[in-house]
Amino acid sequence: MPIEVLDLVELAQGVAVDTDHPITTNLMGDVLIIRLAASPGGPDGDYPEEVHAGATETITALSGRFAILAEGKSYSVRQGQCCRIPPGLHHRWAPESEAVVLVHFGAAVPH
C-alpha cells in the first residue's frame, strides 16, 4: 500500500462550514478537519455549545485563527498552535473564528 499525502487545508476548502470531515479513526481516537467561517448564521450568529464526555479534544489551527469560548473566557489560537479541551468542559467556537482546524479526540498523553 503506497503512502497517501493529503493537503488538509485544500481538502477543507471543499467542505461545509462547521461540518466534521473524518480523516481517520483508530485506537488513539478520531481525527477530523473542520472549516470555520465568521458568523455561520443561526438565530444569534454563534456556533452552538458542545461538550465531549469521554475524551480530550485537541484542536490545531492549520490555517487562520480561531477562538474557543469556555467558562466565560476566550482562548485564541492562531496557525501553528493548538489547544486541549478536557472532557466534560462546555465550549463553543467564537463567532469570529476563520480557520481550518485539525481535531483529535482521544486521551491526552503527558509530555
PDB file of N, CA and C in Angstrom:
ATOM      1  N   MET A   1       0.850  -1.174   0.000  1.00  0.00           N
ATOM      2  CA  MET A   1       0.000   0.000   0.000  1.00  0.00           C
ATOM      3  C   MET A   1       0.899   1.243   0.000  1.00  0.00           C
ATOM      4  N   PRO A   2       0.681   2.165  -0.941  1.00  0.00           N
ATOM      5  CA  PRO A   2       1.520   3.368  -1.008  1.00  0.00           C
ATOM      6  C   PRO A   2       1.154   4.379   0.078  1.00  0.00           C
ATOM      7  N   ILE A   3       2.077   5.275   0.321  1.00  0.00           N
ATOM      8  CA  ILE A   3       1.831   6.364   1.266  1.00  0.00           C
ATOM      9  C   ILE A   3       0.866   7.348   0.620  1.00  0.00           C
ATOM     10  N   GLU A   4      -0.120   7.790   1.386  1.00  0.00           N
ATOM     11  CA  GLU A   4      -1.096   8.768   0.897  1.00  0.00           C
ATOM     12  C   GLU A   4      -0.762  10.127   1.495  1.00  0.00           C
ATOM     13  N   VAL A   5      -0.669  11.142   0.660  1.00  0.00           N
ATOM     14  CA  VAL A   5      -0.399  12.504   1.108  1.00  0.00           C
ATOM     15  C   VAL A   5      -1.657  13.322   0.881  1.00  0.00           C
ATOM     16  N   LEU A   6      -2.135  13.985   1.945  1.00  0.00           N
ATOM     17  CA  LEU A   6      -3.340  14.806   1.864  1.00  0.00           C
ATOM     18  C   LEU A   6      -2.998  16.256   2.181  1.00  0.00           C
ATOM     19  N   ASP A   7      -3.491  17.178   1.389  1.00  0.00           N
ATOM     20  CA  ASP A   7      -3.395  18.604   1.701  1.00  0.00           C
ATOM     21  C   ASP A   7      -4.675  18.949   2.449  1.00  0.00           C
ATOM     22  N   LEU A   8      -4.599  18.971   3.777  1.00  0.00           N
ATOM     23  CA  LEU A   8      -5.792  19.144   4.601  1.00  0.00           C
ATOM     24  C   LEU A   8      -6.425  20.519   4.448  1.00  0.00           C
ATOM     25  N   VAL A   9      -5.618  21.551   4.253  1.00  0.00           N
ATOM     26  CA  VAL A   9      -6.172  22.896   4.072  1.00  0.00           C
ATOM     27  C   VAL A   9      -6.961  22.946   2.765  1.00  0.00           C
ATOM     28  N   GLU A  10      -6.385  22.397   1.706  1.00  0.00           N
ATOM     29  CA  GLU A  10      -7.087  22.364   0.423  1.00  0.00           C
ATOM     30  C   GLU A  10      -8.352  21.515   0.517  1.00  0.00           C
ATOM     31  N   LEU A  11      -8.263  20.367   1.150  1.00  0.00           N
ATOM     32  CA  LEU A  11      -9.419  19.490   1.322  1.00  0.00           C
ATOM     33  C   LEU A  11     -10.536  20.202   2.075  1.00  0.00           C
ATOM     34  N   ALA A  12     -10.181  20.936   3.102  1.00  0.00           N
ATOM     35  CA  ALA A  12     -11.177  21.621   3.933  1.00  0.00           C
ATOM     36  C   ALA A  12     -11.911  22.717   3.185  1.00  0.00           C
ATOM     37  N   GLN A  13     -11.297  23.289   2.165  1.00  0.00           N
ATOM     38  CA  GLN A  13     -11.959  24.355   1.419  1.00  0.00           C
ATOM     39  C   GLN A  13     -13.223  23.859   0.715  1.00  0.00           C
ATOM     40  N   GLY A  14     -13.308  22.555   0.499  1.00  0.00           N
ATOM     41  CA  GLY A  14     -14.466  21.989  -0.179  1.00  0.00           C
ATOM     42  C   GLY A  14     -15.534  21.432   0.738  1.00  0.00           C
ATOM     43  N   VAL A  15     -15.372  21.550   2.045  1.00  0.00           N
ATOM     44  CA  VAL A  15     -16.372  21.012   2.970  1.00  0.00           C
ATOM     45  C   VAL A  15     -17.219  22.140   3.538  1.00  0.00           C
ATOM     46  N   ALA A  16     -18.419  21.810   3.959  1.00  0.00           N
ATOM     47  CA  ALA A  16     -19.328  22.802   4.532  1.00  0.00           C
ATOM     48  C   ALA A  16     -18.760  23.337   5.846  1.00  0.00           C
ATOM     49  N   VAL A  17     -19.078  24.578   6.132  1.00  0.00           N
ATOM     50  CA  VAL A  17     -18.627  25.214   7.377  1.00  0.00           C
ATOM     51  C   VAL A  17     -19.189  24.460   8.574  1.00  0.00           C
ATOM     52  N   ASP A  18     -18.347  24.300   9.594  1.00  0.00           N
ATOM     53  CA  ASP A  18     -18.697  23.642  10.857  1.00  0.00           C
ATOM     54  C   ASP A  18     -19.256  22.238  10.658  1.00  0.00           C
ATOM     55  N   THR A  19     -18.689  21.520   9.681  1.00  0.00           N
ATOM     56  CA  THR A  19     -19.074  20.136   9.445  1.00  0.00           C
ATOM     57  C   THR A  19     -17.850  19.259   9.635  1.00  0.00           C
ATOM     58  N   ASP A  20     -17.971  18.238  10.467  1.00  0.00           N
ATOM     59  CA  ASP A  20     -16.861  17.322  10.698  1.00  0.00           C
ATOM     60  C   ASP A  20     -16.563  16.541   9.427  1.00  0.00           C
ATOM     61  N   HIS A  21     -15.307  16.518   9.042  1.00  0.00           N
ATOM     62  CA  HIS A  21     -14.864  15.726   7.898  1.00  0.00           C
ATOM     63  C   HIS A  21     -13.834  14.725   8.422  1.00  0.00           C
ATOM     64  N   PRO A  22     -14.239  13.464   8.634  1.00  0.00           N
ATOM     65  CA  PRO A  22     -13.326  12.468   9.211  1.00  0.00           C
ATOM     66  C   PRO A  22     -12.106  12.207   8.337  1.00  0.00           C
ATOM     67  N   ILE A  23     -10.954  12.137   8.977  1.00  0.00           N
ATOM     68  CA  ILE A  23      -9.704  11.791   8.308  1.00  0.00           C
ATOM     69  C   ILE A  23      -9.356  10.342   8.621  1.00  0.00           C
ATOM     70  N   THR A  24      -9.437   9.981   9.908  1.00  0.00           N
ATOM     71  CA  THR A  24      -9.128   8.612  10.312  1.00  0.00           C
ATOM     72  C   THR A  24      -9.703   8.330  11.696  1.00  0.00           C
ATOM     73  N   THR A  25      -9.892   7.066  11.976  1.00  0.00           N
ATOM     74  CA  THR A  25     -10.283   6.592  13.304  1.00  0.00           C
ATOM     75  C   THR A  25      -9.388   5.411  13.623  1.00  0.00           C
ATOM     76  N   ASN A  26      -8.836   5.432  14.838  1.00  0.00           N
ATOM     77  CA  ASN A  26      -8.007   4.307  15.253  1.00  0.00           C
ATOM     78  C   ASN A  26      -8.103   4.158  16.767  1.00  0.00           C
ATOM     79  N   LEU A  27      -7.287   3.302  17.350  1.00  0.00           N
ATOM     80  CA  LEU A  27      -7.346   3.074  18.791  1.00  0.00           C
ATOM     81  C   LEU A  27      -7.014   4.321  19.604  1.00  0.00           C
ATOM     82  N   MET A  28      -6.313   5.274  18.997  1.00  0.00           N
ATOM     83  CA  MET A  28      -5.942   6.510  19.688  1.00  0.00           C
ATOM     84  C   MET A  28      -7.057   7.548  19.643  1.00  0.00           C
ATOM     85  N   GLY A  29      -8.095   7.318  18.830  1.00  0.00           N
ATOM     86  CA  GLY A  29      -9.210   8.248  18.749  1.00  0.00           C
ATOM     87  C   GLY A  29      -9.542   8.641  17.331  1.00  0.00           C
ATOM     88  N   ASP A  30     -10.400   9.638  17.217  1.00  0.00           N
ATOM     89  CA  ASP A  30     -10.848  10.133  15.920  1.00  0.00           C
ATOM     90  C   ASP A  30     -10.087  11.388  15.536  1.00  0.00           C
ATOM     91  N   VAL A  31      -9.788  11.532  14.238  1.00  0.00           N
ATOM     92  CA  VAL A  31      -9.127  12.720  13.706  1.00  0.00           C
ATOM     93  C   VAL A  31     -10.004  13.254  12.580  1.00  0.00           C
ATOM     94  N   LEU A  32     -10.266  14.555  12.599  1.00  0.00           N
ATOM     95  CA  LEU A  32     -11.090  15.158  11.567  1.00  0.00           C
ATOM     96  C   LEU A  32     -10.637  16.575  11.283  1.00  0.00           C
ATOM     97  N   ILE A  33     -11.112  17.122  10.171  1.00  0.00           N
ATOM     98  CA  ILE A  33     -10.865  18.530   9.878  1.00  0.00           C
ATOM     99  C   ILE A  33     -12.203  19.249   9.872  1.00  0.00           C
ATOM    100  N   ILE A  34     -12.150  20.525  10.203  1.00  0.00           N
ATOM    101  CA  ILE A  34     -13.328  21.383  10.192  1.00  0.00           C
ATOM    102  C   ILE A  34     -12.918  22.725   9.602  1.00  0.00           C
ATOM    103  N   ARG A  35     -13.773  23.269   8.754  1.00  0.00           N
ATOM    104  CA  ARG A  35     -13.573  24.622   8.232  1.00  0.00           C
ATOM    105  C   ARG A  35     -14.502  25.557   8.995  1.00  0.00           C
ATOM    106  N   LEU A  36     -13.930  26.606   9.544  1.00  0.00           N
ATOM    107  CA  LEU A  36     -14.695  27.602  10.296  1.00  0.00           C
ATOM    108  C   LEU A  36     -14.753  28.894   9.494  1.00  0.00           C
ATOM    109  N   ALA A  37     -15.889  29.553   9.523  1.00  0.00           N
ATOM    110  CA  ALA A  37     -16.048  30.844   8.859  1.00  0.00           C
ATOM    111  C   ALA A  37     -16.797  31.767   9.811  1.00  0.00           C
ATOM    112  N   ALA A  38     -16.428  33.027   9.823  1.00  0.00           N
ATOM    113  CA  ALA A  38     -17.043  34.000  10.732  1.00  0.00           C
ATOM    114  C   ALA A  38     -18.556  34.038  10.545  1.00  0.00           C
ATOM    115  N   SER A  39     -19.255  34.162  11.678  1.00  0.00           N
ATOM    116  CA  SER A  39     -20.721  34.295  11.698  1.00  0.00           C
ATOM    117  C   SER A  39     -21.423  33.289  10.799  1.00  0.00           C
ATOM    118  N   PRO A  40     -21.437  32.002  11.181  1.00  0.00           N
ATOM    119  CA  PRO A  40     -22.009  30.977  10.315  1.00  0.00           C
ATOM    120  C   PRO A  40     -23.517  31.064  10.154  1.00  0.00           C
ATOM    121  N   GLY A  41     -24.186  31.917  10.907  1.00  0.00           N
ATOM    122  CA  GLY A  41     -25.644  32.023  10.787  1.00  0.00           C
ATOM    123  C   GLY A  41     -26.330  31.541  12.039  1.00  0.00           C
ATOM    124  N   GLY A  42     -27.561  31.132  11.899  1.00  0.00           N
ATOM    125  CA  GLY A  42     -28.351  30.739  13.051  1.00  0.00           C
ATOM    126  C   GLY A  42     -28.975  31.967  13.686  1.00  0.00           C
ATOM    127  N   PRO A  43     -29.828  31.764  14.676  1.00  0.00           N
ATOM    128  CA  PRO A  43     -30.572  32.879  15.256  1.00  0.00           C
ATOM    129  C   PRO A  43     -29.688  33.971  15.855  1.00  0.00           C
ATOM    130  N   ASP A  44     -28.563  33.591  16.459  1.00  0.00           N
ATOM    131  CA  ASP A  44     -27.716  34.614  17.069  1.00  0.00           C
ATOM    132  C   ASP A  44     -26.343  34.710  16.405  1.00  0.00           C
ATOM    133  N   GLY A  45     -26.140  33.987  15.304  1.00  0.00           N
ATOM    134  CA  GLY A  45     -24.881  34.061  14.576  1.00  0.00           C
ATOM    135  C   GLY A  45     -23.739  33.308  15.229  1.00  0.00           C
ATOM    136  N   ASP A  46     -23.981  32.613  16.313  1.00  0.00           N
ATOM    137  CA  ASP A  46     -22.917  31.918  17.028  1.00  0.00           C
ATOM    138  C   ASP A  46     -22.930  30.425  16.739  1.00  0.00           C
ATOM    139  N   TYR A  47     -21.770  29.819  16.912  1.00  0.00           N
ATOM    140  CA  TYR A  47     -21.678  28.369  16.856  1.00  0.00           C
ATOM    141  C   TYR A  47     -22.333  27.795  18.108  1.00  0.00           C
ATOM    142  N   PRO A  48     -22.912  26.604  18.027  1.00  0.00           N
ATOM    143  CA  PRO A  48     -23.564  26.014  19.199  1.00  0.00           C
ATOM    144  C   PRO A  48     -22.550  25.533  20.245  1.00  0.00           C
ATOM    145  N   GLU A  49     -22.980  25.504  21.486  1.00  0.00           N
ATOM    146  CA  GLU A  49     -22.150  24.966  22.560  1.00  0.00           C
ATOM    147  C   GLU A  49     -22.094  23.450  22.417  1.00  0.00           C
ATOM    148  N   GLU A  50     -20.949  22.868  22.792  1.00  0.00           N
ATOM    149  CA  GLU A  50     -20.797  21.419  22.749  1.00  0.00           C
ATOM    150  C   GLU A  50     -19.999  20.956  23.957  1.00  0.00           C
ATOM    151  N   VAL A  51     -20.104  19.677  24.241  1.00  0.00           N
ATOM    152  CA  VAL A  51     -19.337  19.058  25.317  1.00  0.00           C
ATOM    153  C   VAL A  51     -19.062  17.616  24.910  1.00  0.00           C
ATOM    154  N   HIS A  52     -17.859  17.139  25.224  1.00  0.00           N
ATOM    155  CA  HIS A  52     -17.465  15.772  24.887  1.00  0.00           C
ATOM    156  C   HIS A  52     -17.090  15.081  26.186  1.00  0.00           C
ATOM    157  N   ALA A  53     -17.866  14.080  26.554  1.00  0.00           N
ATOM    158  CA  ALA A  53     -17.730  13.465  27.867  1.00  0.00           C
ATOM    159  C   ALA A  53     -16.515  12.555  28.009  1.00  0.00           C
ATOM    160  N   GLY A  54     -16.144  11.835  26.957  1.00  0.00           N
ATOM    161  CA  GLY A  54     -15.185  10.770  27.157  1.00  0.00           C
ATOM    162  C   GLY A  54     -13.764  10.995  26.695  1.00  0.00           C
ATOM    163  N   ALA A  55     -13.449  12.137  26.082  1.00  0.00           N
ATOM    164  CA  ALA A  55     -12.123  12.266  25.501  1.00  0.00           C
ATOM    165  C   ALA A  55     -11.636  13.708  25.550  1.00  0.00           C
ATOM    166  N   THR A  56     -10.329  13.854  25.640  1.00  0.00           N
ATOM    167  CA  THR A  56      -9.717  15.168  25.478  1.00  0.00           C
ATOM    168  C   THR A  56      -9.817  15.540  24.004  1.00  0.00           C
ATOM    169  N   GLU A  57     -10.137  16.797  23.731  1.00  0.00           N
ATOM    170  CA  GLU A  57     -10.213  17.299  22.362  1.00  0.00           C
ATOM    171  C   GLU A  57      -9.009  18.204  22.134  1.00  0.00           C
ATOM    172  N   THR A  58      -8.161  17.845  21.179  1.00  0.00           N
ATOM    173  CA  THR A  58      -7.007  18.670  20.822  1.00  0.00           C
ATOM    174  C   THR A  58      -7.295  19.283  19.461  1.00  0.00           C
ATOM    175  N   ILE A  59      -7.236  20.616  19.384  1.00  0.00           N
ATOM    176  CA  ILE A  59      -7.568  21.330  18.149  1.00  0.00           C
ATOM    177  C   ILE A  59      -6.343  22.111  17.702  1.00  0.00           C
ATOM    178  N   THR A  60      -5.897  21.858  16.466  1.00  0.00           N
ATOM    179  CA  THR A  60      -4.735  22.525  15.882  1.00  0.00           C
ATOM    180  C   THR A  60      -5.188  23.413  14.734  1.00  0.00           C
ATOM    181  N   ALA A  61      -4.738  24.672  14.726  1.00  0.00           N
ATOM    182  CA  ALA A  61      -5.040  25.589  13.630  1.00  0.00           C
ATOM    183  C   ALA A  61      -4.071  25.315  12.482  1.00  0.00           C
ATOM    184  N   LEU A  62      -4.581  24.785  11.374  1.00  0.00           N
ATOM    185  CA  LEU A  62      -3.753  24.545  10.191  1.00  0.00           C
ATOM    186  C   LEU A  62      -3.603  25.818   9.372  1.00  0.00           C
ATOM    187  N   SER A  63      -4.641  26.642   9.373  1.00  0.00           N
ATOM    188  CA  SER A  63      -4.596  27.957   8.729  1.00  0.00           C
ATOM    189  C   SER A  63      -5.565  28.881   9.456  1.00  0.00           C
ATOM    190  N   GLY A  64      -5.304  30.159   9.381  1.00  0.00           N
ATOM    191  CA  GLY A  64      -6.189  31.134  10.015  1.00  0.00           C
ATOM    192  C   GLY A  64      -6.043  31.167  11.517  1.00  0.00           C
ATOM    193  N   ARG A  65      -7.141  31.576  12.173  1.00  0.00           N
ATOM    194  CA  ARG A  65      -7.159  31.624  13.637  1.00  0.00           C
ATOM    195  C   ARG A  65      -8.575  31.386  14.118  1.00  0.00           C
ATOM    196  N   PHE A  66      -8.673  30.868  15.330  1.00  0.00           N
ATOM    197  CA  PHE A  66      -9.977  30.630  15.941  1.00  0.00           C
ATOM    198  C   PHE A  66      -9.890  30.964  17.416  1.00  0.00           C
ATOM    199  N   ALA A  67     -11.045  31.057  18.038  1.00  0.00           N
ATOM    200  CA  ALA A  67     -11.105  31.224  19.477  1.00  0.00           C
ATOM    201  C   ALA A  67     -12.143  30.256  20.018  1.00  0.00           C
ATOM    202  N   ILE A  68     -11.864  29.733  21.195  1.00  0.00           N
ATOM    203  CA  ILE A  68     -12.784  28.862  21.914  1.00  0.00           C
ATOM    204  C   ILE A  68     -13.324  29.663  23.093  1.00  0.00           C
ATOM    205  N   LEU A  69     -14.640  29.629  23.285  1.00  0.00           N
ATOM    206  CA  LEU A  69     -15.273  30.277  24.423  1.00  0.00           C
ATOM    207  C   LEU A  69     -15.646  29.198  25.429  1.00  0.00           C
ATOM    208  N   ALA A  70     -15.167  29.354  26.664  1.00  0.00           N
ATOM    209  CA  ALA A  70     -15.443  28.380  27.726  1.00  0.00           C
ATOM    210  C   ALA A  70     -15.307  29.064  29.077  1.00  0.00           C
ATOM    211  N   GLU A  71     -16.219  28.765  29.962  1.00  0.00           N
ATOM    212  CA  GLU A  71     -16.177  29.279  31.335  1.00  0.00           C
ATOM    213  C   GLU A  71     -16.012  30.801  31.381  1.00  0.00           C
ATOM    214  N   GLY A  72     -16.685  31.508  30.477  1.00  0.00           N
ATOM    215  CA  GLY A  72     -16.636  32.961  30.469  1.00  0.00           C
ATOM    216  C   GLY A  72     -15.347  33.566  29.936  1.00  0.00           C
ATOM    217  N   LYS A  73     -14.469  32.744  29.349  1.00  0.00           N
ATOM    218  CA  LYS A  73     -13.200  33.220  28.805  1.00  0.00           C
ATOM    219  C   LYS A  73     -13.105  32.888  27.320  1.00  0.00           C
ATOM    220  N   SER A  74     -12.260  33.645  26.631  1.00  0.00           N
ATOM    221  CA  SER A  74     -11.971  33.378  25.226  1.00  0.00           C
ATOM    222  C   SER A  74     -10.508  32.962  25.116  1.00  0.00           C
ATOM    223  N   TYR A  75     -10.270  31.851  24.431  1.00  0.00           N
ATOM    224  CA  TYR A  75      -8.920  31.323  24.249  1.00  0.00           C
ATOM    225  C   TYR A  75      -8.587  31.400  22.760  1.00  0.00           C
ATOM    226  N   SER A  76      -7.661  32.279  22.374  1.00  0.00           N
ATOM    227  CA  SER A  76      -7.306  32.490  20.975  1.00  0.00           C
ATOM    228  C   SER A  76      -6.190  31.543  20.548  1.00  0.00           C
ATOM    229  N   VAL A  77      -6.329  30.999  19.343  1.00  0.00           N
ATOM    230  CA  VAL A  77      -5.353  30.069  18.780  1.00  0.00           C
ATOM    231  C   VAL A  77      -5.111  30.487  17.332  1.00  0.00           C
ATOM    232  N   ARG A  78      -3.846  30.641  16.964  1.00  0.00           N
ATOM    233  CA  ARG A  78      -3.506  31.029  15.591  1.00  0.00           C
ATOM    234  C   ARG A  78      -2.809  29.870  14.879  1.00  0.00           C
ATOM    235  N   GLN A  79      -2.623  30.026  13.568  1.00  0.00           N
ATOM    236  CA  GLN A  79      -1.993  28.997  12.746  1.00  0.00           C
ATOM    237  C   GLN A  79      -0.715  28.486  13.404  1.00  0.00           C
ATOM    238  N   GLY A  80      -0.612  27.154  13.482  1.00  0.00           N
ATOM    239  CA  GLY A  80       0.567  26.530  14.073  1.00  0.00           C
ATOM    240  C   GLY A  80       0.439  26.267  15.562  1.00  0.00           C
ATOM    241  N   GLN A  81      -0.638  26.741  16.187  1.00  0.00           N
ATOM    242  CA  GLN A  81      -0.855  26.499  17.612  1.00  0.00           C
ATOM    243  C   GLN A  81      -1.998  25.499  17.778  1.00  0.00           C
ATOM    244  N   CYS A  82      -2.083  24.928  18.991  1.00  0.00           N
ATOM    245  CA  CYS A  82      -3.199  24.045  19.312  1.00  0.00           C
ATOM    246  C   CYS A  82      -3.676  24.313  20.732  1.00  0.00           C
ATOM    247  N   CYS A  83      -4.850  23.808  21.036  1.00  0.00           N
ATOM    248  CA  CYS A  83      -5.374  23.885  22.400  1.00  0.00           C
ATOM    249  C   CYS A  83      -5.928  22.514  22.763  1.00  0.00           C
ATOM    250  N   ARG A  84      -5.959  22.239  24.051  1.00  0.00           N
ATOM    251  CA  ARG A  84      -6.521  20.974  24.550  1.00  0.00           C
ATOM    252  C   ARG A  84      -7.708  21.307  25.435  1.00  0.00           C
ATOM    253  N   ILE A  85      -8.826  20.662  25.158  1.00  0.00           N
ATOM    254  CA  ILE A  85     -10.051  20.873  25.918  1.00  0.00           C
ATOM    255  C   ILE A  85     -10.329  19.588  26.694  1.00  0.00           C
ATOM    256  N   PRO A  86     -10.388  19.681  28.014  1.00  0.00           N
ATOM    257  CA  PRO A  86     -10.602  18.463  28.808  1.00  0.00           C
ATOM    258  C   PRO A  86     -12.026  17.919  28.645  1.00  0.00           C
ATOM    259  N   PRO A  87     -12.203  16.618  28.870  1.00  0.00           N
ATOM    260  CA  PRO A  87     -13.533  16.022  28.793  1.00  0.00           C
ATOM    261  C   PRO A  87     -14.495  16.724  29.751  1.00  0.00           C
ATOM    262  N   GLY A  88     -15.745  16.890  29.318  1.00  0.00           N
ATOM    263  CA  GLY A  88     -16.785  17.444  30.168  1.00  0.00           C
ATOM    264  C   GLY A  88     -16.867  18.966  30.202  1.00  0.00           C
ATOM    265  N   LEU A  89     -15.955  19.675  29.529  1.00  0.00           N
ATOM    266  CA  LEU A  89     -15.975  21.134  29.547  1.00  0.00           C
ATOM    267  C   LEU A  89     -16.878  21.656  28.422  1.00  0.00           C
ATOM    268  N   HIS A  90     -17.891  22.422  28.783  1.00  0.00           N
ATOM    269  CA  HIS A  90     -18.773  23.044  27.797  1.00  0.00           C
ATOM    270  C   HIS A  90     -17.998  24.155  27.096  1.00  0.00           C
ATOM    271  N   HIS A  91     -18.066  24.179  25.760  1.00  0.00           N
ATOM    272  CA  HIS A  91     -17.301  25.159  24.983  1.00  0.00           C
ATOM    273  C   HIS A  91     -17.962  25.365  23.627  1.00  0.00           C
ATOM    274  N   ARG A  92     -17.534  26.407  22.945  1.00  0.00           N
ATOM    275  CA  ARG A  92     -18.011  26.646  21.584  1.00  0.00           C
ATOM    276  C   ARG A  92     -16.996  27.498  20.850  1.00  0.00           C
ATOM    277  N   TRP A  93     -17.084  27.477  19.518  1.00  0.00           N
ATOM    278  CA  TRP A  93     -16.247  28.329  18.689  1.00  0.00           C
ATOM    279  C   TRP A  93     -16.737  29.761  18.854  1.00  0.00           C
ATOM    280  N   ALA A  94     -15.837  30.716  18.890  1.00  0.00           N
ATOM    281  CA  ALA A  94     -16.214  32.124  18.870  1.00  0.00           C
ATOM    282  C   ALA A  94     -16.698  32.469  17.466  1.00  0.00           C
ATOM    283  N   PRO A  95     -17.684  33.363  17.339  1.00  0.00           N
ATOM    284  CA  PRO A  95     -18.253  33.645  16.024  1.00  0.00           C
ATOM    285  C   PRO A  95     -17.272  34.256  15.031  1.00  0.00           C
ATOM    286  N   GLU A  96     -16.185  34.850  15.498  1.00  0.00           N
ATOM    287  CA  GLU A  96     -15.210  35.462  14.588  1.00  0.00           C
ATOM    288  C   GLU A  96     -14.168  34.467  14.066  1.00  0.00           C
ATOM    289  N   SER A  97     -14.269  33.205  14.450  1.00  0.00           N
ATOM    290  CA  SER A  97     -13.298  32.192  14.034  1.00  0.00           C
ATOM    291  C   SER A  97     -13.299  32.000  12.524  1.00  0.00           C
ATOM    292  N   GLU A  98     -12.105  32.068  11.931  1.00  0.00           N
ATOM    293  CA  GLU A  98     -11.890  31.844  10.488  1.00  0.00           C
ATOM    294  C   GLU A  98     -10.658  30.954  10.382  1.00  0.00           C
ATOM    295  N   ALA A  99     -10.857  29.651  10.195  1.00  0.00           N
ATOM    296  CA  ALA A  99      -9.710  28.747  10.225  1.00  0.00           C
ATOM    297  C   ALA A  99     -10.056  27.405   9.606  1.00  0.00           C
ATOM    298  N   VAL A 100      -9.006  26.666   9.290  1.00  0.00           N
ATOM    299  CA  VAL A 100      -9.100  25.236   9.020  1.00  0.00           C
ATOM    300  C   VAL A 100      -8.403  24.579  10.195  1.00  0.00           C
ATOM    301  N   VAL A 101      -9.113  23.670  10.871  1.00  0.00           N
ATOM    302  CA  VAL A 101      -8.565  23.055  12.077  1.00  0.00           C
ATOM    303  C   VAL A 101      -8.529  21.537  11.939  1.00  0.00           C
ATOM    304  N   LEU A 102      -7.545  20.947  12.592  1.00  0.00           N
ATOM    305  CA  LEU A 102      -7.423  19.506  12.729  1.00  0.00           C
ATOM    306  C   LEU A 102      -7.815  19.179  14.161  1.00  0.00           C
ATOM    307  N   VAL A 103      -8.788  18.298  14.322  1.00  0.00           N
ATOM    308  CA  VAL A 103      -9.308  17.962  15.651  1.00  0.00           C
ATOM    309  C   VAL A 103      -9.018  16.496  15.933  1.00  0.00           C
ATOM    310  N   HIS A 104      -8.491  16.234  17.135  1.00  0.00           N
ATOM    311  CA  HIS A 104      -8.241  14.864  17.580  1.00  0.00           C
ATOM    312  C   HIS A 104      -8.989  14.646  18.885  1.00  0.00           C
ATOM    313  N   PHE A 105      -9.815  13.617  18.921  1.00  0.00           N
ATOM    314  CA  PHE A 105     -10.495  13.206  20.142  1.00  0.00           C
ATOM    315  C   PHE A 105      -9.798  11.969  20.653  1.00  0.00           C
ATOM    316  N   GLY A 106      -9.261  12.029  21.852  1.00  0.00           N
ATOM    317  CA  GLY A 106      -8.586  10.875  22.425  1.00  0.00           C
ATOM    318  C   GLY A 106      -7.958  11.250  23.747  1.00  0.00           C
ATOM    319  N   ALA A 107      -7.243  10.329  24.316  1.00  0.00           N
ATOM    320  CA  ALA A 107      -6.591  10.571  25.592  1.00  0.00           C
ATOM    321  C   ALA A 107      -5.398  11.492  25.399  1.00  0.00           C
ATOM    322  N   ALA A 108      -5.256  12.452  26.285  1.00  0.00           N
ATOM    323  CA  ALA A 108      -4.082  13.328  26.242  1.00  0.00           C
ATOM    324  C   ALA A 108      -2.912  12.564  26.823  1.00  0.00           C
ATOM    325  N   VAL A 109      -1.793  12.606  26.144  1.00  0.00           N
ATOM    326  CA  VAL A 109      -0.588  11.908  26.598  1.00  0.00           C
ATOM    327  C   VAL A 109       0.336  12.955  27.232  1.00  0.00           C
ATOM    328  N   PRO A 110       0.724  12.773  28.483  1.00  0.00           N
ATOM    329  CA  PRO A 110       1.629  13.743  29.100  1.00  0.00           C
ATOM    330  C   PRO A 110       2.959  13.809  28.353  1.00  0.00           C
ATOM    331  N   HIS A 111       3.564  14.969  28.346  1.00  0.00           N
ATOM    332  CA  HIS A 111       4.851  15.114  27.654  1.00  0.00           C
ATOM    333  C   HIS A 111       5.965  15.405  28.595  1.00  0.00           C
TER     334      HIS A 111
END
